[in-house]
Amino acid sequence: MRIRRILAAVFATAALAGLGLTGAATATAATPSPTPGQHWITSEQCKEGGGTQEGFTCKGGTYDGRGID
Protein backbone atom coordinates (compact mmCIF):
# COMPACT_ATOMS: atom_id res chain seq x y z
CA MET A 1 0.00 0.00 0.00
CA ARG A 2 2.78 2.36 0.90
CA ILE A 3 4.66 1.65 -2.34
CA ARG A 4 1.55 2.50 -4.38
CA ARG A 5 1.33 5.91 -2.73
CA ILE A 6 5.00 6.61 -3.39
CA LEU A 7 4.69 5.54 -7.03
CA ALA A 8 1.56 7.65 -7.48
CA ALA A 9 3.38 10.68 -6.08
CA VAL A 10 6.38 10.07 -8.36
CA PHE A 11 4.17 9.78 -11.46
CA ALA A 12 2.13 12.86 -10.53
CA THR A 13 5.31 14.90 -10.01
CA ALA A 14 6.76 13.74 -13.32
CA ALA A 15 3.53 14.56 -15.15
CA LEU A 16 3.35 18.06 -13.69
CA ALA A 17 7.01 18.70 -14.47
CA GLY A 18 6.43 17.57 -18.06
CA LEU A 19 3.52 19.98 -18.46
CA GLY A 20 5.63 22.86 -17.19
CA LEU A 21 8.41 22.16 -19.68
CA THR A 22 5.96 21.83 -22.57
CA GLY A 23 4.35 25.18 -21.78
CA ALA A 24 7.71 26.94 -21.58
CA ALA A 25 8.85 25.49 -24.91
CA THR A 26 5.63 26.56 -26.60
CA ALA A 27 5.89 30.09 -25.27
CA THR A 28 9.46 30.38 -26.49
CA ALA A 29 8.72 28.98 -29.93
CA ALA A 30 5.77 31.31 -30.49
CA THR A 31 7.91 34.45 -30.44
CA PRO A 32 9.25 35.25 -33.91
CA SER A 33 12.74 36.66 -34.07
CA PRO A 34 14.98 37.21 -37.05
CA THR A 35 18.14 35.15 -37.35
CA PRO A 36 21.49 36.99 -37.32
CA GLY A 37 21.88 39.06 -40.48
CA GLN A 38 18.14 38.96 -41.09
CA HIS A 39 16.17 42.17 -40.76
CA TRP A 40 12.58 42.88 -39.82
CA ILE A 41 10.34 43.71 -42.76
CA THR A 42 7.06 45.59 -43.18
CA SER A 43 3.76 43.94 -44.07
CA GLU A 44 3.91 45.68 -47.47
CA GLN A 45 7.31 44.10 -48.20
CA CYS A 46 5.89 40.70 -47.27
CA LYS A 47 2.97 41.13 -49.68
CA GLU A 48 5.22 42.46 -52.46
CA GLY A 49 7.45 39.41 -52.03
CA GLY A 50 4.49 37.08 -52.56
CA GLY A 51 3.81 36.22 -48.93
CA THR A 52 0.98 36.71 -46.48
CA GLN A 53 1.13 38.15 -42.98
CA GLU A 54 0.22 35.72 -40.20
CA GLY A 55 0.53 37.44 -36.86
CA PHE A 56 3.99 38.98 -36.74
CA THR A 57 5.51 36.58 -39.30
CA CYS A 58 5.62 36.56 -43.10
CA LYS A 59 4.53 33.19 -44.51
CA GLY A 60 5.55 32.20 -48.03
CA GLY A 61 7.21 34.21 -50.77
CA THR A 62 10.64 35.81 -50.73
CA TYR A 63 10.57 36.75 -47.03
CA ASP A 64 9.17 33.48 -45.63
CA GLY A 65 9.70 33.23 -41.87
CA ARG A 66 10.88 36.80 -41.32
CA GLY A 67 9.44 38.88 -38.53
CA ILE A 68 7.12 41.75 -39.41
CA ASP A 69 7.67 45.03 -37.62
PDB file of N, CA and C in Angstrom:
ATOM      1  N   MET A   1       0.828  -1.183   0.000  1.00  0.00           N
ATOM      2  CA  MET A   1       0.000   0.000   0.000  1.00  0.00           C
ATOM      3  C   MET A   1       0.875   1.251   0.000  1.00  0.00           C
ATOM      4  N   ARG A   2       1.893   1.213   0.790  1.00  0.00           N
ATOM      5  CA  ARG A   2       2.780   2.361   0.903  1.00  0.00           C
ATOM      6  C   ARG A   2       3.542   2.601  -0.405  1.00  0.00           C
ATOM      7  N   ILE A   3       3.935   1.536  -1.083  1.00  0.00           N
ATOM      8  CA  ILE A   3       4.660   1.650  -2.345  1.00  0.00           C
ATOM      9  C   ILE A   3       3.764   2.272  -3.409  1.00  0.00           C
ATOM     10  N   ARG A   4       2.484   1.925  -3.402  1.00  0.00           N
ATOM     11  CA  ARG A   4       1.553   2.496  -4.376  1.00  0.00           C
ATOM     12  C   ARG A   4       1.458   4.012  -4.214  1.00  0.00           C
ATOM     13  N   ARG A   5       1.400   4.465  -2.979  1.00  0.00           N
ATOM     14  CA  ARG A   5       1.327   5.914  -2.733  1.00  0.00           C
ATOM     15  C   ARG A   5       2.585   6.613  -3.206  1.00  0.00           C
ATOM     16  N   ILE A   6       3.720   6.018  -2.963  1.00  0.00           N
ATOM     17  CA  ILE A   6       4.997   6.606  -3.392  1.00  0.00           C
ATOM     18  C   ILE A   6       5.061   6.665  -4.914  1.00  0.00           C
ATOM     19  N   LEU A   7       4.691   5.559  -5.571  1.00  0.00           N
ATOM     20  CA  LEU A   7       4.693   5.535  -7.034  1.00  0.00           C
ATOM     21  C   LEU A   7       3.716   6.555  -7.609  1.00  0.00           C
ATOM     22  N   ALA A   8       2.543   6.675  -7.015  1.00  0.00           N
ATOM     23  CA  ALA A   8       1.556   7.647  -7.485  1.00  0.00           C
ATOM     24  C   ALA A   8       2.111   9.065  -7.364  1.00  0.00           C
ATOM     25  N   ALA A   9       2.792   9.357  -6.265  1.00  0.00           N
ATOM     26  CA  ALA A   9       3.378  10.678  -6.076  1.00  0.00           C
ATOM     27  C   ALA A   9       4.486  10.943  -7.092  1.00  0.00           C
ATOM     28  N   VAL A  10       5.305   9.935  -7.382  1.00  0.00           N
ATOM     29  CA  VAL A  10       6.381  10.074  -8.362  1.00  0.00           C
ATOM     30  C   VAL A  10       5.801  10.343  -9.745  1.00  0.00           C
ATOM     31  N   PHE A  11       4.777   9.583 -10.149  1.00  0.00           N
ATOM     32  CA  PHE A  11       4.166   9.776 -11.464  1.00  0.00           C
ATOM     33  C   PHE A  11       3.480  11.137 -11.567  1.00  0.00           C
ATOM     34  N   ALA A  12       2.805  11.559 -10.511  1.00  0.00           N
ATOM     35  CA  ALA A  12       2.134  12.857 -10.529  1.00  0.00           C
ATOM     36  C   ALA A  12       3.154  13.986 -10.655  1.00  0.00           C
ATOM     37  N   THR A  13       4.261  13.882  -9.939  1.00  0.00           N
ATOM     38  CA  THR A  13       5.307  14.899 -10.008  1.00  0.00           C
ATOM     39  C   THR A  13       5.923  14.951 -11.402  1.00  0.00           C
ATOM     40  N   ALA A  14       6.175  13.794 -11.981  1.00  0.00           N
ATOM     41  CA  ALA A  14       6.756  13.743 -13.325  1.00  0.00           C
ATOM     42  C   ALA A  14       5.787  14.324 -14.360  1.00  0.00           C
ATOM     43  N   ALA A  15       4.511  14.036 -14.206  1.00  0.00           N
ATOM     44  CA  ALA A  15       3.525  14.562 -15.150  1.00  0.00           C
ATOM     45  C   ALA A  15       3.441  16.077 -15.056  1.00  0.00           C
ATOM     46  N   LEU A  16       3.418  16.609 -13.850  1.00  0.00           N
ATOM     47  CA  LEU A  16       3.349  18.064 -13.686  1.00  0.00           C
ATOM     48  C   LEU A  16       4.619  18.744 -14.189  1.00  0.00           C
ATOM     49  N   ALA A  17       5.755  18.134 -13.976  1.00  0.00           N
ATOM     50  CA  ALA A  17       7.011  18.702 -14.468  1.00  0.00           C
ATOM     51  C   ALA A  17       7.025  18.694 -15.994  1.00  0.00           C
ATOM     52  N   GLY A  18       6.508  17.653 -16.601  1.00  0.00           N
ATOM     53  CA  GLY A  18       6.434  17.574 -18.060  1.00  0.00           C
ATOM     54  C   GLY A  18       5.535  18.647 -18.638  1.00  0.00           C
ATOM     55  N   LEU A  19       4.422  18.927 -17.992  1.00  0.00           N
ATOM     56  CA  LEU A  19       3.520  19.978 -18.457  1.00  0.00           C
ATOM     57  C   LEU A  19       4.181  21.350 -18.369  1.00  0.00           C
ATOM     58  N   GLY A  20       4.939  21.577 -17.336  1.00  0.00           N
ATOM     59  CA  GLY A  20       5.629  22.855 -17.189  1.00  0.00           C
ATOM     60  C   GLY A  20       6.662  23.073 -18.276  1.00  0.00           C
ATOM     61  N   LEU A  21       7.400  22.035 -18.636  1.00  0.00           N
ATOM     62  CA  LEU A  21       8.408  22.156 -19.684  1.00  0.00           C
ATOM     63  C   LEU A  21       7.764  22.360 -21.042  1.00  0.00           C
ATOM     64  N   THR A  22       6.651  21.688 -21.294  1.00  0.00           N
ATOM     65  CA  THR A  22       5.960  21.831 -22.572  1.00  0.00           C
ATOM     66  C   THR A  22       5.438  23.247 -22.733  1.00  0.00           C
ATOM     67  N   GLY A  23       4.861  23.813 -21.698  1.00  0.00           N
ATOM     68  CA  GLY A  23       4.348  25.179 -21.776  1.00  0.00           C
ATOM     69  C   GLY A  23       5.443  26.195 -22.019  1.00  0.00           C
ATOM     70  N   ALA A  24       6.595  26.008 -21.389  1.00  0.00           N
ATOM     71  CA  ALA A  24       7.705  26.943 -21.579  1.00  0.00           C
ATOM     72  C   ALA A  24       8.262  26.851 -22.991  1.00  0.00           C
ATOM     73  N   ALA A  25       8.344  25.660 -23.539  1.00  0.00           N
ATOM     74  CA  ALA A  25       8.853  25.493 -24.905  1.00  0.00           C
ATOM     75  C   ALA A  25       7.901  26.112 -25.911  1.00  0.00           C
ATOM     76  N   THR A  26       6.610  25.977 -25.696  1.00  0.00           N
ATOM     77  CA  THR A  26       5.626  26.556 -26.602  1.00  0.00           C
ATOM     78  C   THR A  26       5.694  28.070 -26.564  1.00  0.00           C
ATOM     79  N   ALA A  27       5.824  28.635 -25.375  1.00  0.00           N
ATOM     80  CA  ALA A  27       5.888  30.088 -25.266  1.00  0.00           C
ATOM     81  C   ALA A  27       7.135  30.634 -25.943  1.00  0.00           C
ATOM     82  N   THR A  28       8.225  29.937 -25.851  1.00  0.00           N
ATOM     83  CA  THR A  28       9.458  30.380 -26.490  1.00  0.00           C
ATOM     84  C   THR A  28       9.374  30.260 -27.997  1.00  0.00           C
ATOM     85  N   ALA A  29       8.797  29.200 -28.489  1.00  0.00           N
ATOM     86  CA  ALA A  29       8.722  28.978 -29.934  1.00  0.00           C
ATOM     87  C   ALA A  29       7.735  29.922 -30.609  1.00  0.00           C
ATOM     88  N   ALA A  30       6.788  30.449 -29.884  1.00  0.00           N
ATOM     89  CA  ALA A  30       5.772  31.311 -30.487  1.00  0.00           C
ATOM     90  C   ALA A  30       6.270  32.712 -30.782  1.00  0.00           C
ATOM     91  N   THR A  31       7.396  33.108 -30.241  1.00  0.00           N
ATOM     92  CA  THR A  31       7.912  34.453 -30.436  1.00  0.00           C
ATOM     93  C   THR A  31       8.821  34.491 -31.655  1.00  0.00           C
ATOM     94  N   PRO A  32       8.393  35.196 -32.728  1.00  0.00           N
ATOM     95  CA  PRO A  32       9.255  35.249 -33.911  1.00  0.00           C
ATOM     96  C   PRO A  32      10.437  36.180 -33.682  1.00  0.00           C
ATOM     97  N   SER A  33      11.584  35.790 -34.148  1.00  0.00           N
ATOM     98  CA  SER A  33      12.743  36.657 -34.068  1.00  0.00           C
ATOM     99  C   SER A  33      13.626  36.387 -35.273  1.00  0.00           C
ATOM    100  N   PRO A  34      14.154  37.427 -35.876  1.00  0.00           N
ATOM    101  CA  PRO A  34      14.984  37.206 -37.051  1.00  0.00           C
ATOM    102  C   PRO A  34      16.313  36.562 -36.676  1.00  0.00           C
ATOM    103  N   THR A  35      16.841  35.760 -37.579  1.00  0.00           N
ATOM    104  CA  THR A  35      18.145  35.154 -37.353  1.00  0.00           C
ATOM    105  C   THR A  35      19.220  36.214 -37.574  1.00  0.00           C
ATOM    106  N   PRO A  36      20.444  36.006 -37.112  1.00  0.00           N
ATOM    107  CA  PRO A  36      21.487  36.995 -37.318  1.00  0.00           C
ATOM    108  C   PRO A  36      21.654  37.325 -38.800  1.00  0.00           C
ATOM    109  N   GLY A  37      21.741  38.611 -39.101  1.00  0.00           N
ATOM    110  CA  GLY A  37      21.876  39.060 -40.478  1.00  0.00           C
ATOM    111  C   GLY A  37      20.539  39.218 -41.182  1.00  0.00           C
ATOM    112  N   GLN A  38      19.472  38.846 -40.512  1.00  0.00           N
ATOM    113  CA  GLN A  38      18.139  38.959 -41.089  1.00  0.00           C
ATOM    114  C   GLN A  38      17.439  40.156 -40.460  1.00  0.00           C
ATOM    115  N   HIS A  39      16.791  40.956 -41.263  1.00  0.00           N
ATOM    116  CA  HIS A  39      16.165  42.174 -40.757  1.00  0.00           C
ATOM    117  C   HIS A  39      14.651  42.022 -40.716  1.00  0.00           C
ATOM    118  N   TRP A  40      14.035  42.834 -39.877  1.00  0.00           N
ATOM    119  CA  TRP A  40      12.582  42.878 -39.822  1.00  0.00           C
ATOM    120  C   TRP A  40      12.088  43.520 -41.106  1.00  0.00           C
ATOM    121  N   ILE A  41      10.919  43.132 -41.561  1.00  0.00           N
ATOM    122  CA  ILE A  41      10.339  43.707 -42.762  1.00  0.00           C
ATOM    123  C   ILE A  41       8.969  44.285 -42.431  1.00  0.00           C
ATOM    124  N   THR A  42       8.404  45.048 -43.363  1.00  0.00           N
ATOM    125  CA  THR A  42       7.057  45.590 -43.183  1.00  0.00           C
ATOM    126  C   THR A  42       6.052  44.629 -43.818  1.00  0.00           C
ATOM    127  N   SER A  43       4.784  44.804 -43.479  1.00  0.00           N
ATOM    128  CA  SER A  43       3.761  43.939 -44.067  1.00  0.00           C
ATOM    129  C   SER A  43       3.661  44.161 -45.576  1.00  0.00           C
ATOM    130  N   GLU A  44       3.934  45.394 -46.031  1.00  0.00           N
ATOM    131  CA  GLU A  44       3.912  45.681 -47.465  1.00  0.00           C
ATOM    132  C   GLU A  44       5.012  44.910 -48.194  1.00  0.00           C
ATOM    133  N   GLN A  45       6.210  44.854 -47.590  1.00  0.00           N
ATOM    134  CA  GLN A  45       7.306  44.098 -48.198  1.00  0.00           C
ATOM    135  C   GLN A  45       6.956  42.619 -48.285  1.00  0.00           C
ATOM    136  N   CYS A  46       6.303  42.108 -47.275  1.00  0.00           N
ATOM    137  CA  CYS A  46       5.893  40.700 -47.271  1.00  0.00           C
ATOM    138  C   CYS A  46       4.943  40.434 -48.433  1.00  0.00           C
ATOM    139  N   LYS A  47       3.941  41.305 -48.604  1.00  0.00           N
ATOM    140  CA  LYS A  47       2.966  41.135 -49.682  1.00  0.00           C
ATOM    141  C   LYS A  47       3.619  41.287 -51.050  1.00  0.00           C
ATOM    142  N   GLU A  48       4.524  42.255 -51.184  1.00  0.00           N
ATOM    143  CA  GLU A  48       5.219  42.456 -52.459  1.00  0.00           C
ATOM    144  C   GLU A  48       6.091  41.254 -52.812  1.00  0.00           C
ATOM    145  N   GLY A  49       6.611  40.583 -51.814  1.00  0.00           N
ATOM    146  CA  GLY A  49       7.447  39.407 -52.032  1.00  0.00           C
ATOM    147  C   GLY A  49       6.649  38.140 -52.276  1.00  0.00           C
ATOM    148  N   GLY A  50       5.322  38.242 -52.281  1.00  0.00           N
ATOM    149  CA  GLY A  50       4.486  37.083 -52.564  1.00  0.00           C
ATOM    150  C   GLY A  50       4.033  36.325 -51.337  1.00  0.00           C
ATOM    151  N   GLY A  51       4.222  36.897 -50.164  1.00  0.00           N
ATOM    152  CA  GLY A  51       3.813  36.221 -48.931  1.00  0.00           C
ATOM    153  C   GLY A  51       2.561  36.803 -48.327  1.00  0.00           C
ATOM    154  N   THR A  52       2.126  36.218 -47.228  1.00  0.00           N
ATOM    155  CA  THR A  52       0.983  36.714 -46.479  1.00  0.00           C
ATOM    156  C   THR A  52       1.388  36.890 -45.025  1.00  0.00           C
ATOM    157  N   GLN A  53       0.815  37.887 -44.377  1.00  0.00           N
ATOM    158  CA  GLN A  53       1.131  38.153 -42.979  1.00  0.00           C
ATOM    159  C   GLN A  53       0.264  37.279 -42.092  1.00  0.00           C
ATOM    160  N   GLU A  54       0.910  36.526 -41.204  1.00  0.00           N
ATOM    161  CA  GLU A  54       0.216  35.720 -40.204  1.00  0.00           C
ATOM    162  C   GLU A  54       0.783  36.102 -38.852  1.00  0.00           C
ATOM    163  N   GLY A  55       0.033  36.915 -38.126  1.00  0.00           N
ATOM    164  CA  GLY A  55       0.531  37.435 -36.856  1.00  0.00           C
ATOM    165  C   GLY A  55       1.670  38.395 -37.121  1.00  0.00           C
ATOM    166  N   PHE A  56       2.819  38.127 -36.540  1.00  0.00           N
ATOM    167  CA  PHE A  56       3.988  38.978 -36.743  1.00  0.00           C
ATOM    168  C   PHE A  56       5.047  38.266 -37.587  1.00  0.00           C
ATOM    169  N   THR A  57       4.599  37.341 -38.463  1.00  0.00           N
ATOM    170  CA  THR A  57       5.514  36.575 -39.296  1.00  0.00           C
ATOM    171  C   THR A  57       5.018  36.585 -40.734  1.00  0.00           C
ATOM    172  N   CYS A  58       5.948  36.642 -41.676  1.00  0.00           N
ATOM    173  CA  CYS A  58       5.619  36.560 -43.097  1.00  0.00           C
ATOM    174  C   CYS A  58       5.677  35.088 -43.505  1.00  0.00           C
ATOM    175  N   LYS A  59       4.603  34.599 -44.096  1.00  0.00           N
ATOM    176  CA  LYS A  59       4.534  33.190 -44.515  1.00  0.00           C
ATOM    177  C   LYS A  59       4.526  33.129 -46.039  1.00  0.00           C
ATOM    178  N   GLY A  60       5.478  32.384 -46.590  1.00  0.00           N
ATOM    179  CA  GLY A  60       5.552  32.200 -48.032  1.00  0.00           C
ATOM    180  C   GLY A  60       6.287  33.338 -48.716  1.00  0.00           C
ATOM    181  N   GLY A  61       6.561  33.165 -49.981  1.00  0.00           N
ATOM    182  CA  GLY A  61       7.209  34.209 -50.770  1.00  0.00           C
ATOM    183  C   GLY A  61       8.676  34.372 -50.455  1.00  0.00           C
ATOM    184  N   THR A  62       9.204  35.513 -50.866  1.00  0.00           N
ATOM    185  CA  THR A  62      10.640  35.808 -50.729  1.00  0.00           C
ATOM    186  C   THR A  62      11.072  35.922 -49.268  1.00  0.00           C
ATOM    187  N   TYR A  63      10.197  36.463 -48.419  1.00  0.00           N
ATOM    188  CA  TYR A  63      10.573  36.755 -47.030  1.00  0.00           C
ATOM    189  C   TYR A  63       9.985  35.745 -46.041  1.00  0.00           C
ATOM    190  N   ASP A  64       9.774  34.514 -46.460  1.00  0.00           N
ATOM    191  CA  ASP A  64       9.173  33.478 -45.629  1.00  0.00           C
ATOM    192  C   ASP A  64       9.908  33.326 -44.292  1.00  0.00           C
ATOM    193  N   GLY A  65       9.153  33.437 -43.199  1.00  0.00           N
ATOM    194  CA  GLY A  65       9.703  33.231 -41.868  1.00  0.00           C
ATOM    195  C   GLY A  65      10.260  34.484 -41.205  1.00  0.00           C
ATOM    196  N   ARG A  66      10.338  35.583 -41.937  1.00  0.00           N
ATOM    197  CA  ARG A  66      10.883  36.803 -41.323  1.00  0.00           C
ATOM    198  C   ARG A  66       9.835  37.469 -40.459  1.00  0.00           C
ATOM    199  N   GLY A  67      10.326  38.162 -39.437  1.00  0.00           N
ATOM    200  CA  GLY A  67       9.438  38.884 -38.531  1.00  0.00           C
ATOM    201  C   GLY A  67       8.957  40.171 -39.168  1.00  0.00           C
ATOM    202  N   ILE A  68       7.694  40.522 -38.881  1.00  0.00           N
ATOM    203  CA  ILE A  68       7.118  41.754 -39.407  1.00  0.00           C
ATOM    204  C   ILE A  68       7.062  42.776 -38.292  1.00  0.00           C
ATOM    205  N   ASP A  69       7.604  43.935 -38.591  1.00  0.00           N
ATOM    206  CA  ASP A  69       7.673  45.035 -37.621  1.00  0.00           C
ATOM    207  C   ASP A  69       6.468  45.922 -37.769  1.00  0.00           C
TER     208      ASP A  69
END
